[in-house]
């Protein structure tokens, strides 16, 4: 059997060796599991969470930092939640272009974030 990937009637762009569908925020829930490019403005304050490895007194938290990472969360207009694994210095009402995967209803896991002044990429 040959399985063919489902195609959608939206234009595609190639960014960092991946294909992304260029869509409006209102069409986001039609493409769950697909890579999308979305533009919008940040609605609320940005929330950054630090994840640490091990207990503070353990050797692994001081020597081995492979499990130490940061996650940035923010909301776009229209109720879309964006999760970016990394540090992104963003502010409220800033225009952003998101390249990422739609992981759930109104939720995007960002691979890259472009602003007027910077590009943030998760590798």
C-alpha atoms as a PDB file:
ATOM      1  CA  UNK A   1       0.000   0.000   0.000  1.00  0.00           C
ATOM      2  CA  UNK A   2       1.100   3.482  -0.741  1.00  0.00           C
ATOM      3  CA  UNK A   3       0.144   6.171   1.719  1.00  0.00           C
ATOM      4  CA  UNK A   4      -0.068   9.658   0.366  1.00  0.00           C
ATOM      5  CA  UNK A   5       0.262  12.671   2.614  1.00  0.00           C
ATOM      6  CA  UNK A   6      -2.856  14.817   2.704  1.00  0.00           C
ATOM      7  CA  UNK A   7      -2.491  18.125   0.891  1.00  0.00           C
ATOM      8  CA  UNK A   8      -4.351  21.328   1.687  1.00  0.00           C
ATOM      9  CA  UNK A   9      -5.367  24.210  -0.612  1.00  0.00           C
ATOM     10  CA  UNK A  10      -3.054  26.697   1.091  1.00  0.00           C
ATOM     11  CA  UNK A  11       0.208  28.123  -0.268  1.00  0.00           C
ATOM     12  CA  UNK A  12       3.467  26.662   1.056  1.00  0.00           C
ATOM     13  CA  UNK A  13       6.773  28.277   1.963  1.00  0.00           C
ATOM     14  CA  UNK A  14      10.089  26.598   2.687  1.00  0.00           C
ATOM     15  CA  UNK A  15      11.930  27.758   5.806  1.00  0.00           C
ATOM     16  CA  UNK A  16      14.981  26.035   7.309  1.00  0.00           C
ATOM     17  CA  UNK A  17      14.481  22.832   5.251  1.00  0.00           C
ATOM     18  CA  UNK A  18      10.807  22.415   6.197  1.00  0.00           C
ATOM     19  CA  UNK A  19       7.587  23.182   4.338  1.00  0.00           C
ATOM     20  CA  UNK A  20       4.993  25.362   6.069  1.00  0.00           C
ATOM     21  CA  UNK A  21       1.417  26.170   5.061  1.00  0.00           C
ATOM     22  CA  UNK A  22       0.760  29.918   5.092  1.00  0.00           C
ATOM     23  CA  UNK A  23      -2.594  30.354   6.823  1.00  0.00           C
ATOM     24  CA  UNK A  24      -4.726  32.797   8.729  1.00  0.00           C
ATOM     25  CA  UNK A  25      -5.163  32.303  12.478  1.00  0.00           C
ATOM     26  CA  UNK A  26      -8.843  31.465  11.967  1.00  0.00           C
ATOM     27  CA  UNK A  27      -7.954  28.378   9.851  1.00  0.00           C
ATOM     28  CA  UNK A  28      -5.542  26.959  12.438  1.00  0.00           C
ATOM     29  CA  UNK A  29      -7.697  24.081  13.703  1.00  0.00           C
ATOM     30  CA  UNK A  30      -8.048  22.612  10.189  1.00  0.00           C
ATOM     31  CA  UNK A  31      -4.337  21.750  10.120  1.00  0.00           C
ATOM     32  CA  UNK A  32      -3.687  19.880  13.369  1.00  0.00           C
ATOM     33  CA  UNK A  33      -0.420  17.966  13.040  1.00  0.00           C
ATOM     34  CA  UNK A  34       0.881  20.115  10.163  1.00  0.00           C
ATOM     35  CA  UNK A  35       3.580  22.786   9.959  1.00  0.00           C
ATOM     36  CA  UNK A  36       2.158  26.282   9.557  1.00  0.00           C
ATOM     37  CA  UNK A  37       3.288  29.894   9.193  1.00  0.00           C
ATOM     38  CA  UNK A  38       1.092  32.345  11.124  1.00  0.00           C
ATOM     39  CA  UNK A  39       1.367  36.089  11.683  1.00  0.00           C
ATOM     40  CA  UNK A  40      -0.179  38.070  14.501  1.00  0.00           C
ATOM     41  CA  UNK A  41       0.258  40.315  17.497  1.00  0.00           C
ATOM     42  CA  UNK A  42       1.081  39.169  21.017  1.00  0.00           C
ATOM     43  CA  UNK A  43      -1.968  39.662  23.205  1.00  0.00           C
ATOM     44  CA  UNK A  44      -0.770  39.357  26.818  1.00  0.00           C
ATOM     45  CA  UNK A  45       2.475  39.283  28.740  1.00  0.00           C
ATOM     46  CA  UNK A  46       4.997  36.623  27.784  1.00  0.00           C
ATOM     47  CA  UNK A  47       5.577  33.818  30.309  1.00  0.00           C
ATOM     48  CA  UNK A  48       9.007  32.146  30.552  1.00  0.00           C
ATOM     49  CA  UNK A  49       9.569  28.966  32.577  1.00  0.00           C
ATOM     50  CA  UNK A  50      12.945  27.494  33.551  1.00  0.00           C
ATOM     51  CA  UNK A  51      13.190  23.715  33.821  1.00  0.00           C
ATOM     52  CA  UNK A  52      16.073  22.465  35.964  1.00  0.00           C
ATOM     53  CA  UNK A  53      17.766  19.089  36.111  1.00  0.00           C
ATOM     54  CA  UNK A  54      17.866  17.210  39.396  1.00  0.00           C
ATOM     55  CA  UNK A  55      17.789  18.532  42.924  1.00  0.00           C
ATOM     56  CA  UNK A  56      19.750  21.702  43.779  1.00  0.00           C
ATOM     57  CA  UNK A  57      22.246  19.826  45.961  1.00  0.00           C
ATOM     58  CA  UNK A  58      22.828  16.942  43.552  1.00  0.00           C
ATOM     59  CA  UNK A  59      25.882  16.632  41.353  1.00  0.00           C
ATOM     60  CA  UNK A  60      23.877  16.182  38.152  1.00  0.00           C
ATOM     61  CA  UNK A  61      22.275  19.629  38.458  1.00  0.00           C
ATOM     62  CA  UNK A  62      25.694  21.287  38.617  1.00  0.00           C
ATOM     63  CA  UNK A  63      27.713  19.202  36.177  1.00  0.00           C
ATOM     64  CA  UNK A  64      25.226  17.765  33.707  1.00  0.00           C
ATOM     65  CA  UNK A  65      22.880  20.404  32.351  1.00  0.00           C
ATOM     66  CA  UNK A  66      21.389  18.525  29.413  1.00  0.00           C
ATOM     67  CA  UNK A  67      17.927  18.546  31.011  1.00  0.00           C
ATOM     68  CA  UNK A  68      18.103  22.263  31.773  1.00  0.00           C
ATOM     69  CA  UNK A  69      16.005  24.312  29.357  1.00  0.00           C
ATOM     70  CA  UNK A  70      13.602  27.242  29.072  1.00  0.00           C
ATOM     71  CA  UNK A  71      10.092  27.388  27.641  1.00  0.00           C
ATOM     72  CA  UNK A  72       8.392  30.582  26.492  1.00  0.00           C
ATOM     73  CA  UNK A  73       4.588  30.789  26.329  1.00  0.00           C
ATOM     74  CA  UNK A  74       2.462  33.581  24.913  1.00  0.00           C
ATOM     75  CA  UNK A  75      -0.997  34.200  23.434  1.00  0.00           C
ATOM     76  CA  UNK A  76      -1.711  35.585  20.000  1.00  0.00           C
ATOM     77  CA  UNK A  77      -4.863  37.453  19.099  1.00  0.00           C
ATOM     78  CA  UNK A  78      -7.676  35.021  18.448  1.00  0.00           C
ATOM     79  CA  UNK A  79      -6.847  32.841  21.471  1.00  0.00           C
ATOM     80  CA  UNK A  80      -3.884  30.973  19.964  1.00  0.00           C
ATOM     81  CA  UNK A  81      -1.322  29.710  22.493  1.00  0.00           C
ATOM     82  CA  UNK A  82       2.289  29.541  21.273  1.00  0.00           C
ATOM     83  CA  UNK A  83       4.900  27.402  23.033  1.00  0.00           C
ATOM     84  CA  UNK A  84       8.585  27.951  22.182  1.00  0.00           C
ATOM     85  CA  UNK A  85      11.311  25.832  23.712  1.00  0.00           C
ATOM     86  CA  UNK A  86      13.950  28.444  24.317  1.00  0.00           C
ATOM     87  CA  UNK A  87      14.315  32.035  25.426  1.00  0.00           C
ATOM     88  CA  UNK A  88      12.469  34.578  23.295  1.00  0.00           C
ATOM     89  CA  UNK A  89      12.591  38.199  24.407  1.00  0.00           C
ATOM     90  CA  UNK A  90       9.161  39.393  23.311  1.00  0.00           C
ATOM     91  CA  UNK A  91       6.722  42.002  24.538  1.00  0.00           C
ATOM     92  CA  UNK A  92       3.014  42.625  24.443  1.00  0.00           C
ATOM     93  CA  UNK A  93       1.510  44.034  21.190  1.00  0.00           C
ATOM     94  CA  UNK A  94       4.617  43.030  19.200  1.00  0.00           C
ATOM     95  CA  UNK A  95       4.087  41.725  15.649  1.00  0.00           C
ATOM     96  CA  UNK A  96       5.455  38.174  15.260  1.00  0.00           C
ATOM     97  CA  UNK A  97       5.685  35.578  12.503  1.00  0.00           C
ATOM     98  CA  UNK A  98       5.485  32.018  13.845  1.00  0.00           C
ATOM     99  CA  UNK A  99       6.812  28.947  12.057  1.00  0.00           C
ATOM    100  CA  UNK A 100       5.656  25.868  13.919  1.00  0.00           C
ATOM    101  CA  UNK A 101       3.544  22.764  14.226  1.00  0.00           C
ATOM    102  CA  UNK A 102      -0.104  22.790  15.236  1.00  0.00           C
ATOM    103  CA  UNK A 103      -0.151  20.348  18.166  1.00  0.00           C
ATOM    104  CA  UNK A 104      -3.689  20.827  19.376  1.00  0.00           C
ATOM    105  CA  UNK A 105      -6.719  23.009  19.267  1.00  0.00           C
ATOM    106  CA  UNK A 106      -5.439  26.616  19.070  1.00  0.00           C
ATOM    107  CA  UNK A 107      -1.938  25.528  20.158  1.00  0.00           C
ATOM    108  CA  UNK A 108       1.287  25.922  18.170  1.00  0.00           C
ATOM    109  CA  UNK A 109       4.692  24.496  19.051  1.00  0.00           C
ATOM    110  CA  UNK A 110       6.999  27.095  17.496  1.00  0.00           C
ATOM    111  CA  UNK A 111      10.131  26.089  15.590  1.00  0.00           C
ATOM    112  CA  UNK A 112      11.058  29.714  14.830  1.00  0.00           C
ATOM    113  CA  UNK A 113       9.785  33.168  15.778  1.00  0.00           C
ATOM    114  CA  UNK A 114      10.516  36.262  13.700  1.00  0.00           C
ATOM    115  CA  UNK A 115      10.043  39.766  15.037  1.00  0.00           C
ATOM    116  CA  UNK A 116      10.986  43.154  13.675  1.00  0.00           C
ATOM    117  CA  UNK A 117      14.319  43.056  15.516  1.00  0.00           C
ATOM    118  CA  UNK A 118      15.226  39.385  15.979  1.00  0.00           C
ATOM    119  CA  UNK A 119      14.814  35.781  14.864  1.00  0.00           C
ATOM    120  CA  UNK A 120      14.529  33.051  17.515  1.00  0.00           C
ATOM    121  CA  UNK A 121      15.127  29.461  16.378  1.00  0.00           C
ATOM    122  CA  UNK A 122      14.873  26.141  18.227  1.00  0.00           C
ATOM    123  CA  UNK A 123      17.236  23.471  16.914  1.00  0.00           C
END
